[in-house]
Amino acid sequence: HEDAGSASGLFNTVMHLGIALGTALTALVFFAATGGSAD
């Protein structure tokens, strides 16, 4: 109970970091495949 606030903050930080990295890697694959083309 005394560590609940820190653990929750760490959990949320890691979740957001994972979402940001996943989004960045997905965009990397997408733009590598398109080369920035509007086709």
Full PDB file with SEQRES, HELIX, SHEET, SSBOND, CRYST1, ORIGX, SCALE, CONECT and MASTER records, all heavy atoms in Angstrom:
SEQRES   1 A   39  HIS GLU ASP ALA GLY SER ALA SER GLY LEU PHE ASN THR          
SEQRES   2 A   39  VAL MET HIS LEU GLY ILE ALA LEU GLY THR ALA LEU THR          
SEQRES   3 A   39  ALA LEU VAL PHE PHE ALA ALA THR GLY GLY SER ALA ASP          
HELIX    1 AA1 ALA A    4  THR A   34  1                                  31    
CRYST1    1.000    1.000    1.000  90.00  90.00  90.00 P 1           1          
ORIGX1      1.000000  0.000000  0.000000        0.00000                         
ORIGX2      0.000000  1.000000  0.000000        0.00000                         
ORIGX3      0.000000  0.000000  1.000000        0.00000                         
SCALE1      1.000000  0.000000  0.000000        0.00000                         
SCALE2      0.000000  1.000000  0.000000        0.00000                         
SCALE3      0.000000  0.000000  1.000000        0.00000                         
ATOM      1  N   HIS A   1       0.816  -1.215   0.000  1.00  0.00           N  
ATOM      2  CA  HIS A   1       0.000   0.000   0.000  1.00  0.00           C  
ATOM      3  C   HIS A   1       0.851   1.268   0.000  1.00  0.00           C  
ATOM      4  O   HIS A   1       0.535   2.234  -0.698  1.00  0.00           O  
ATOM      5  CB  HIS A   1      -0.950  -0.012   1.199  1.00  0.00           C  
ATOM      6  CG  HIS A   1      -1.870   1.163   1.241  1.00  0.00           C  
ATOM      7  ND1 HIS A   1      -2.899   1.322   0.341  1.00  0.00           N  
ATOM      8  CD2 HIS A   1      -1.906   2.249   2.053  1.00  0.00           C  
ATOM      9  CE1 HIS A   1      -3.532   2.454   0.590  1.00  0.00           C  
ATOM     10  NE2 HIS A   1      -2.953   3.028   1.627  1.00  0.00           N  
ATOM     11  N   GLU A   2       1.941   1.259   0.746  1.00  0.00           N  
ATOM     12  CA  GLU A   2       2.772   2.473   0.840  1.00  0.00           C  
ATOM     13  C   GLU A   2       3.528   2.769  -0.458  1.00  0.00           C  
ATOM     14  O   GLU A   2       3.987   3.889  -0.669  1.00  0.00           O  
ATOM     15  CB  GLU A   2       3.756   2.393   2.013  1.00  0.00           C  
ATOM     16  CG  GLU A   2       4.700   1.217   1.965  1.00  0.00           C  
ATOM     17  CD  GLU A   2       4.143  -0.048   2.630  1.00  0.00           C  
ATOM     18  OE1 GLU A   2       2.992  -0.036   3.082  1.00  0.00           O  
ATOM     19  OE2 GLU A   2       4.885  -1.031   2.671  1.00  0.00           O  
ATOM     20  N   ASP A   3       3.657   1.790  -1.351  1.00  0.00           N  
ATOM     21  CA  ASP A   3       4.338   1.987  -2.625  1.00  0.00           C  
ATOM     22  C   ASP A   3       3.372   2.085  -3.807  1.00  0.00           C  
ATOM     23  O   ASP A   3       3.814   2.126  -4.963  1.00  0.00           O  
ATOM     24  CB  ASP A   3       5.319   0.837  -2.885  1.00  0.00           C  
ATOM     25  CG  ASP A   3       6.431   0.775  -1.863  1.00  0.00           C  
ATOM     26  OD1 ASP A   3       6.823   1.848  -1.357  1.00  0.00           O  
ATOM     27  OD2 ASP A   3       6.915  -0.333  -1.565  1.00  0.00           O  
ATOM     28  N   ALA A   4       2.094   2.135  -3.535  1.00  0.00           N  
ATOM     29  CA  ALA A   4       1.089   2.098  -4.611  1.00  0.00           C  
ATOM     30  C   ALA A   4       1.205   3.292  -5.559  1.00  0.00           C  
ATOM     31  O   ALA A   4       1.095   3.132  -6.777  1.00  0.00           O  
ATOM     32  CB  ALA A   4      -0.311   2.041  -4.011  1.00  0.00           C  
ATOM     33  N   GLY A   5       1.450   4.481  -5.039  1.00  0.00           N  
ATOM     34  CA  GLY A   5       1.552   5.663  -5.894  1.00  0.00           C  
ATOM     35  C   GLY A   5       2.742   5.590  -6.843  1.00  0.00           C  
ATOM     36  O   GLY A   5       2.620   5.874  -8.038  1.00  0.00           O  
ATOM     37  N   SER A   6       3.889   5.184  -6.314  1.00  0.00           N  
ATOM     38  CA  SER A   6       5.087   5.060  -7.148  1.00  0.00           C  
ATOM     39  C   SER A   6       4.919   3.967  -8.193  1.00  0.00           C  
ATOM     40  O   SER A   6       5.307   4.126  -9.351  1.00  0.00           O  
ATOM     41  CB  SER A   6       6.303   4.743  -6.277  1.00  0.00           C  
ATOM     42  OG  SER A   6       6.559   5.787  -5.386  1.00  0.00           O  
ATOM     43  N   ALA A   7       4.346   2.833  -7.791  1.00  0.00           N  
ATOM     44  CA  ALA A   7       4.150   1.723  -8.716  1.00  0.00           C  
ATOM     45  C   ALA A   7       3.174   2.105  -9.823  1.00  0.00           C  
ATOM     46  O   ALA A   7       3.384   1.767 -10.993  1.00  0.00           O  
ATOM     47  CB  ALA A   7       3.645   0.499  -7.962  1.00  0.00           C  
ATOM     48  N   SER A   8       2.124   2.815  -9.475  1.00  0.00           N  
ATOM     49  CA  SER A   8       1.153   3.258 -10.471  1.00  0.00           C  
ATOM     50  C   SER A   8       1.790   4.232 -11.461  1.00  0.00           C  
ATOM     51  O   SER A   8       1.565   4.139 -12.672  1.00  0.00           O  
ATOM     52  CB  SER A   8      -0.039   3.915  -9.788  1.00  0.00           C  
ATOM     53  OG  SER A   8      -0.936   4.434 -10.733  1.00  0.00           O  
ATOM     54  N   GLY A   9       2.593   5.157 -10.950  1.00  0.00           N  
ATOM     55  CA  GLY A   9       3.282   6.101 -11.821  1.00  0.00           C  
ATOM     56  C   GLY A   9       4.254   5.406 -12.762  1.00  0.00           C  
ATOM     57  O   GLY A   9       4.316   5.713 -13.955  1.00  0.00           O  
ATOM     58  N   LEU A  10       4.989   4.437 -12.238  1.00  0.00           N  
ATOM     59  CA  LEU A  10       5.919   3.682 -13.067  1.00  0.00           C  
ATOM     60  C   LEU A  10       5.178   2.870 -14.121  1.00  0.00           C  
ATOM     61  O   LEU A  10       5.574   2.824 -15.288  1.00  0.00           O  
ATOM     62  CB  LEU A  10       6.782   2.771 -12.196  1.00  0.00           C  
ATOM     63  CG  LEU A  10       7.802   1.916 -12.933  1.00  0.00           C  
ATOM     64  CD1 LEU A  10       8.813   2.803 -13.646  1.00  0.00           C  
ATOM     65  CD2 LEU A  10       8.505   0.985 -11.957  1.00  0.00           C  
ATOM     66  N   PHE A  11       4.085   2.234 -13.726  1.00  0.00           N  
ATOM     67  CA  PHE A  11       3.280   1.448 -14.661  1.00  0.00           C  
ATOM     68  C   PHE A  11       2.766   2.334 -15.800  1.00  0.00           C  
ATOM     69  O   PHE A  11       2.882   1.976 -16.974  1.00  0.00           O  
ATOM     70  CB  PHE A  11       2.106   0.795 -13.925  1.00  0.00           C  
ATOM     71  CG  PHE A  11       1.196   0.020 -14.826  1.00  0.00           C  
ATOM     72  CD1 PHE A  11       1.519  -1.261 -15.229  1.00  0.00           C  
ATOM     73  CD2 PHE A  11       0.017   0.584 -15.287  1.00  0.00           C  
ATOM     74  CE1 PHE A  11       0.695  -1.968 -16.068  1.00  0.00           C  
ATOM     75  CE2 PHE A  11      -0.817  -0.115 -16.126  1.00  0.00           C  
ATOM     76  CZ  PHE A  11      -0.481  -1.404 -16.514  1.00  0.00           C  
ATOM     77  N   ASN A  12       2.219   3.490 -15.464  1.00  0.00           N  
ATOM     78  CA  ASN A  12       1.690   4.388 -16.495  1.00  0.00           C  
ATOM     79  C   ASN A  12       2.796   4.932 -17.396  1.00  0.00           C  
ATOM     80  O   ASN A  12       2.599   5.068 -18.609  1.00  0.00           O  
ATOM     81  CB  ASN A  12       0.917   5.541 -15.850  1.00  0.00           C  
ATOM     82  CG  ASN A  12      -0.424   5.085 -15.340  1.00  0.00           C  
ATOM     83  OD1 ASN A  12      -1.099   4.294 -15.984  1.00  0.00           O  
ATOM     84  ND2 ASN A  12      -0.810   5.557 -14.167  1.00  0.00           N  
ATOM     85  N   THR A  13       3.954   5.217 -16.820  1.00  0.00           N  
ATOM     86  CA  THR A  13       5.082   5.700 -17.624  1.00  0.00           C  
ATOM     87  C   THR A  13       5.510   4.637 -18.630  1.00  0.00           C  
ATOM     88  O   THR A  13       5.730   4.939 -19.814  1.00  0.00           O  
ATOM     89  CB  THR A  13       6.266   6.074 -16.713  1.00  0.00           C  
ATOM     90  OG1 THR A  13       5.844   7.110 -15.821  1.00  0.00           O  
ATOM     91  CG2 THR A  13       7.456   6.536 -17.525  1.00  0.00           C  
ATOM     92  N   VAL A  14       5.635   3.402 -18.183  1.00  0.00           N  
ATOM     93  CA  VAL A  14       6.045   2.320 -19.072  1.00  0.00           C  
ATOM     94  C   VAL A  14       4.988   2.072 -20.146  1.00  0.00           C  
ATOM     95  O   VAL A  14       5.326   1.828 -21.313  1.00  0.00           O  
ATOM     96  CB  VAL A  14       6.348   1.044 -18.259  1.00  0.00           C  
ATOM     97  CG1 VAL A  14       6.550  -0.150 -19.156  1.00  0.00           C  
ATOM     98  CG2 VAL A  14       7.575   1.257 -17.387  1.00  0.00           C  
ATOM     99  N   MET A  15       3.726   2.141 -19.790  1.00  0.00           N  
ATOM    100  CA  MET A  15       2.659   1.955 -20.782  1.00  0.00           C  
ATOM    101  C   MET A  15       2.733   3.053 -21.857  1.00  0.00           C  
ATOM    102  O   MET A  15       2.644   2.755 -23.051  1.00  0.00           O  
ATOM    103  CB  MET A  15       1.283   1.983 -20.114  1.00  0.00           C  
ATOM    104  CG  MET A  15       0.976   0.757 -19.290  1.00  0.00           C  
ATOM    105  SD  MET A  15       0.822  -0.738 -20.269  1.00  0.00           S  
ATOM    106  CE  MET A  15      -0.690  -0.431 -21.123  1.00  0.00           C  
ATOM    107  N   HIS A  16       2.904   4.292 -21.447  1.00  0.00           N  
ATOM    108  CA  HIS A  16       2.983   5.390 -22.414  1.00  0.00           C  
ATOM    109  C   HIS A  16       4.252   5.297 -23.264  1.00  0.00           C  
ATOM    110  O   HIS A  16       4.225   5.609 -24.456  1.00  0.00           O  
ATOM    111  CB  HIS A  16       2.889   6.744 -21.712  1.00  0.00           C  
ATOM    112  CG  HIS A  16       1.507   7.064 -21.259  1.00  0.00           C  
ATOM    113  ND1 HIS A  16       1.111   6.894 -19.961  1.00  0.00           N  
ATOM    114  CD2 HIS A  16       0.426   7.488 -21.937  1.00  0.00           C  
ATOM    115  CE1 HIS A  16      -0.167   7.221 -19.854  1.00  0.00           C  
ATOM    116  NE2 HIS A  16      -0.603   7.588 -21.047  1.00  0.00           N  
ATOM    117  N   LEU A  17       5.345   4.877 -22.660  1.00  0.00           N  
ATOM    118  CA  LEU A  17       6.575   4.690 -23.421  1.00  0.00           C  
ATOM    119  C   LEU A  17       6.394   3.592 -24.471  1.00  0.00           C  
ATOM    120  O   LEU A  17       6.828   3.744 -25.616  1.00  0.00           O  
ATOM    121  CB  LEU A  17       7.726   4.338 -22.476  1.00  0.00           C  
ATOM    122  CG  LEU A  17       9.090   4.134 -23.115  1.00  0.00           C  
ATOM    123  CD1 LEU A  17       9.556   5.421 -23.786  1.00  0.00           C  
ATOM    124  CD2 LEU A  17      10.096   3.683 -22.079  1.00  0.00           C  
ATOM    125  N   GLY A  18       5.731   2.507 -24.096  1.00  0.00           N  
ATOM    126  CA  GLY A  18       5.458   1.434 -25.045  1.00  0.00           C  
ATOM    127  C   GLY A  18       4.567   1.891 -26.187  1.00  0.00           C  
ATOM    128  O   GLY A  18       4.808   1.545 -27.357  1.00  0.00           O  
ATOM    129  N   ILE A  19       3.559   2.675 -25.874  1.00  0.00           N  
ATOM    130  CA  ILE A  19       2.667   3.196 -26.918  1.00  0.00           C  
ATOM    131  C   ILE A  19       3.438   4.122 -27.858  1.00  0.00           C  
ATOM    132  O   ILE A  19       3.292   4.041 -29.083  1.00  0.00           O  
ATOM    133  CB  ILE A  19       1.470   3.925 -26.274  1.00  0.00           C  
ATOM    134  CG1 ILE A  19       0.555   2.913 -25.581  1.00  0.00           C  
ATOM    135  CG2 ILE A  19       0.698   4.735 -27.306  1.00  0.00           C  
ATOM    136  CD1 ILE A  19      -0.491   3.551 -24.678  1.00  0.00           C  
ATOM    137  N   ALA A  20       4.282   4.988 -27.297  1.00  0.00           N  
ATOM    138  CA  ALA A  20       5.057   5.915 -28.129  1.00  0.00           C  
ATOM    139  C   ALA A  20       6.035   5.161 -29.031  1.00  0.00           C  
ATOM    140  O   ALA A  20       6.153   5.464 -30.227  1.00  0.00           O  
ATOM    141  CB  ALA A  20       5.806   6.906 -27.248  1.00  0.00           C  
ATOM    142  N   LEU A  21       6.735   4.168 -28.479  1.00  0.00           N  
ATOM    143  CA  LEU A  21       7.666   3.388 -29.287  1.00  0.00           C  
ATOM    144  C   LEU A  21       6.943   2.577 -30.358  1.00  0.00           C  
ATOM    145  O   LEU A  21       7.408   2.482 -31.497  1.00  0.00           O  
ATOM    146  CB  LEU A  21       8.501   2.469 -28.399  1.00  0.00           C  
ATOM    147  CG  LEU A  21       9.568   3.156 -27.557  1.00  0.00           C  
ATOM    148  CD1 LEU A  21      10.224   2.161 -26.609  1.00  0.00           C  
ATOM    149  CD2 LEU A  21      10.597   3.812 -28.431  1.00  0.00           C  
ATOM    150  N   GLY A  22       5.797   2.000 -29.995  1.00  0.00           N  
ATOM    151  CA  GLY A  22       5.015   1.247 -30.975  1.00  0.00           C  
ATOM    152  C   GLY A  22       4.529   2.127 -32.115  1.00  0.00           C  
ATOM    153  O   GLY A  22       4.585   1.739 -33.289  1.00  0.00           O  
ATOM    154  N   THR A  23       4.078   3.321 -31.777  1.00  0.00           N  
ATOM    155  CA  THR A  23       3.630   4.257 -32.809  1.00  0.00           C  
ATOM    156  C   THR A  23       4.782   4.681 -33.704  1.00  0.00           C  
ATOM    157  O   THR A  23       4.645   4.732 -34.934  1.00  0.00           O  
ATOM    158  CB  THR A  23       2.986   5.496 -32.155  1.00  0.00           C  
ATOM    159  OG1 THR A  23       1.895   5.063 -31.331  1.00  0.00           O  
ATOM    160  CG2 THR A  23       2.479   6.471 -33.188  1.00  0.00           C  
ATOM    161  N   ALA A  24       5.927   4.957 -33.105  1.00  0.00           N  
ATOM    162  CA  ALA A  24       7.092   5.374 -33.889  1.00  0.00           C  
ATOM    163  C   ALA A  24       7.564   4.255 -34.818  1.00  0.00           C  
ATOM    164  O   ALA A  24       7.877   4.505 -35.991  1.00  0.00           O  
ATOM    165  CB  ALA A  24       8.221   5.795 -32.953  1.00  0.00           C  
ATOM    166  N   LEU A  25       7.608   3.028 -34.316  1.00  0.00           N  
ATOM    167  CA  LEU A  25       8.046   1.913 -35.159  1.00  0.00           C  
ATOM    168  C   LEU A  25       7.046   1.616 -36.269  1.00  0.00           C  
ATOM    169  O   LEU A  25       7.431   1.285 -37.391  1.00  0.00           O  
ATOM    170  CB  LEU A  25       8.292   0.672 -34.309  1.00  0.00           C  
ATOM    171  CG  LEU A  25       9.499   0.754 -33.382  1.00  0.00           C  
ATOM    172  CD1 LEU A  25       9.566  -0.476 -32.482  1.00  0.00           C  
ATOM    173  CD2 LEU A  25      10.776   0.928 -34.171  1.00  0.00           C  
ATOM    174  N   THR A  26       5.755   1.762 -35.967  1.00  0.00           N  
ATOM    175  CA  THR A  26       4.736   1.569 -36.996  1.00  0.00           C  
ATOM    176  C   THR A  26       4.874   2.623 -38.086  1.00  0.00           C  
ATOM    177  O   THR A  26       4.803   2.317 -39.281  1.00  0.00           O  
ATOM    178  CB  THR A  26       3.331   1.627 -36.366  1.00  0.00           C  
ATOM    179  OG1 THR A  26       3.238   0.606 -35.367  1.00  0.00           O  
ATOM    180  CG2 THR A  26       2.249   1.415 -37.384  1.00  0.00           C  
ATOM    181  N   ALA A  27       5.086   3.870 -37.693  1.00  0.00           N  
ATOM    182  CA  ALA A  27       5.289   4.948 -38.673  1.00  0.00           C  
ATOM    183  C   ALA A  27       6.560   4.718 -39.480  1.00  0.00           C  
ATOM    184  O   ALA A  27       6.587   4.974 -40.695  1.00  0.00           O  
ATOM    185  CB  ALA A  27       5.348   6.298 -37.969  1.00  0.00           C  
ATOM    186  N   LEU A  28       7.591   4.200 -38.834  1.00  0.00           N  
ATOM    187  CA  LEU A  28       8.837   3.914 -39.538  1.00  0.00           C  
ATOM    188  C   LEU A  28       8.625   2.879 -40.645  1.00  0.00           C  
ATOM    189  O   LEU A  28       9.068   3.063 -41.771  1.00  0.00           O  
ATOM    190  CB  LEU A  28       9.890   3.418 -38.545  1.00  0.00           C  
ATOM    191  CG  LEU A  28      11.237   3.047 -39.132  1.00  0.00           C  
ATOM    192  CD1 LEU A  28      11.976   4.298 -39.562  1.00  0.00           C  
ATOM    193  CD2 LEU A  28      12.050   2.267 -38.125  1.00  0.00           C  
ATOM    194  N   VAL A  29       7.897   1.815 -40.328  1.00  0.00           N  
ATOM    195  CA  VAL A  29       7.608   0.780 -41.333  1.00  0.00           C  
ATOM    196  C   VAL A  29       6.748   1.367 -42.452  1.00  0.00           C  
ATOM    197  O   VAL A  29       7.007   1.134 -43.634  1.00  0.00           O  
ATOM    198  CB  VAL A  29       6.921  -0.435 -40.685  1.00  0.00           C  
ATOM    199  CG1 VAL A  29       6.423  -1.415 -41.736  1.00  0.00           C  
ATOM    200  CG2 VAL A  29       7.877  -1.133 -39.729  1.00  0.00           C  
ATOM    201  N   PHE A  30       5.744   2.153 -42.090  1.00  0.00           N  
ATOM    202  CA  PHE A  30       4.854   2.734 -43.088  1.00  0.00           C  
ATOM    203  C   PHE A  30       5.612   3.660 -44.046  1.00  0.00           C  
ATOM    204  O   PHE A  30       5.508   3.534 -45.260  1.00  0.00           O  
ATOM    205  CB  PHE A  30       3.712   3.496 -42.411  1.00  0.00           C  
ATOM    206  CG  PHE A  30       2.759   4.139 -43.379  1.00  0.00           C  
ATOM    207  CD1 PHE A  30       1.789   3.381 -44.001  1.00  0.00           C  
ATOM    208  CD2 PHE A  30       2.852   5.493 -43.677  1.00  0.00           C  
ATOM    209  CE1 PHE A  30       0.905   3.965 -44.900  1.00  0.00           C  
ATOM    210  CE2 PHE A  30       1.978   6.086 -44.569  1.00  0.00           C  
ATOM    211  CZ  PHE A  30       1.002   5.311 -45.185  1.00  0.00           C  
ATOM    212  N   PHE A  31       6.379   4.590 -43.495  1.00  0.00           N  
ATOM    213  CA  PHE A  31       7.057   5.559 -44.353  1.00  0.00           C  
ATOM    214  C   PHE A  31       8.244   4.948 -45.086  1.00  0.00           C  
ATOM    215  O   PHE A  31       8.640   5.441 -46.143  1.00  0.00           O  
ATOM    216  CB  PHE A  31       7.445   6.806 -43.569  1.00  0.00           C  
ATOM    217  CG  PHE A  31       6.252   7.652 -43.230  1.00  0.00           C  
ATOM    218  CD1 PHE A  31       5.836   7.806 -41.922  1.00  0.00           C  
ATOM    219  CD2 PHE A  31       5.528   8.268 -44.231  1.00  0.00           C  
ATOM    220  CE1 PHE A  31       4.722   8.568 -41.617  1.00  0.00           C  
ATOM    221  CE2 PHE A  31       4.408   9.041 -43.938  1.00  0.00           C  
ATOM    222  CZ  PHE A  31       4.007   9.190 -42.628  1.00  0.00           C  
ATOM    223  N   ALA A  32       8.810   3.877 -44.548  1.00  0.00           N  
ATOM    224  CA  ALA A  32       9.856   3.167 -45.288  1.00  0.00           C  
ATOM    225  C   ALA A  32       9.253   2.485 -46.514  1.00  0.00           C  
ATOM    226  O   ALA A  32       9.885   2.409 -47.568  1.00  0.00           O  
ATOM    227  CB  ALA A  32      10.538   2.141 -44.398  1.00  0.00           C  
ATOM    228  N   ALA A  33       8.010   2.017 -46.378  1.00  0.00           N  
ATOM    229  CA  ALA A  33       7.347   1.350 -47.504  1.00  0.00           C  
ATOM    230  C   ALA A  33       6.844   2.345 -48.546  1.00  0.00           C  
ATOM    231  O   ALA A  33       6.816   2.036 -49.736  1.00  0.00           O  
ATOM    232  CB  ALA A  33       6.186   0.498 -47.000  1.00  0.00           C  
ATOM    233  N   THR A  34       6.440   3.542 -48.125  1.00  0.00           N  
ATOM    234  CA  THR A  34       5.908   4.519 -49.084  1.00  0.00           C  
ATOM    235  C   THR A  34       6.976   5.463 -49.612  1.00  0.00           C  
ATOM    236  O   THR A  34       6.806   6.019 -50.700  1.00  0.00           O  
ATOM    237  CB  THR A  34       4.799   5.386 -48.460  1.00  0.00           C  
ATOM    238  OG1 THR A  34       5.348   6.150 -47.393  1.00  0.00           O  
ATOM    239  CG2 THR A  34       3.638   4.554 -47.988  1.00  0.00           C  
ATOM    240  N   GLY A  35       8.017   5.673 -48.850  1.00  0.00           N  
ATOM    241  CA  GLY A  35       9.029   6.644 -49.258  1.00  0.00           C  
ATOM    242  C   GLY A  35       8.495   8.061 -49.247  1.00  0.00           C  
ATOM    243  O   GLY A  35       9.034   8.939 -49.911  1.00  0.00           O  
ATOM    244  N   GLY A  36       7.393   8.310 -48.526  1.00  0.00           N  
ATOM    245  CA  GLY A  36       6.796   9.644 -48.464  1.00  0.00           C  
ATOM    246  C   GLY A  36       5.923   9.973 -49.654  1.00  0.00           C  
ATOM    247  O   GLY A  36       5.506  11.117 -49.822  1.00  0.00           O  
ATOM    248  N   SER A  37       5.623   8.998 -50.484  1.00  0.00           N  
ATOM    249  CA  SER A  37       4.808   9.226 -51.674  1.00  0.00           C  
ATOM    250  C   SER A  37       3.341   9.448 -51.304  1.00  0.00           C  
ATOM    251  O   SER A  37       2.844   8.894 -50.329  1.00  0.00           O  
ATOM    252  CB  SER A  37       4.915   8.016 -52.606  1.00  0.00           C  
ATOM    253  OG  SER A  37       4.012   8.144 -53.687  1.00  0.00           O  
ATOM    254  N   ALA A  38       2.650  10.239 -52.109  1.00  0.00           N  
ATOM    255  CA  ALA A  38       1.224  10.481 -51.905  1.00  0.00           C  
ATOM    256  C   ALA A  38       0.368   9.545 -52.756  1.00  0.00           C  
ATOM    257  O   ALA A  38      -0.858   9.685 -52.771  1.00  0.00           O  
ATOM    258  CB  ALA A  38       0.893  11.932 -52.238  1.00  0.00           C  
ATOM    259  N   ASP A  39       0.974   8.588 -53.432  1.00  0.00           N  
ATOM    260  CA  ASP A  39       0.251   7.646 -54.286  1.00  0.00           C  
ATOM    261  C   ASP A  39      -0.680   6.774 -53.432  1.00  0.00           C  
ATOM    262  O   ASP A  39      -0.246   6.114 -52.490  1.00  0.00           O  
ATOM    263  CB  ASP A  39       1.252   6.775 -55.049  1.00  0.00           C  
ATOM    264  CG  ASP A  39       0.576   5.782 -55.965  1.00  0.00           C  
ATOM    265  OD1 ASP A  39      -0.526   6.084 -56.469  1.00  0.00           O  
ATOM    266  OD2 ASP A  39       1.152   4.691 -56.171  1.00  0.00           O  
TER     267      ASP A  39                                                      
MASTER        0    0    0    1    0    0    0    6  266    1    0    3          
END                                                                             
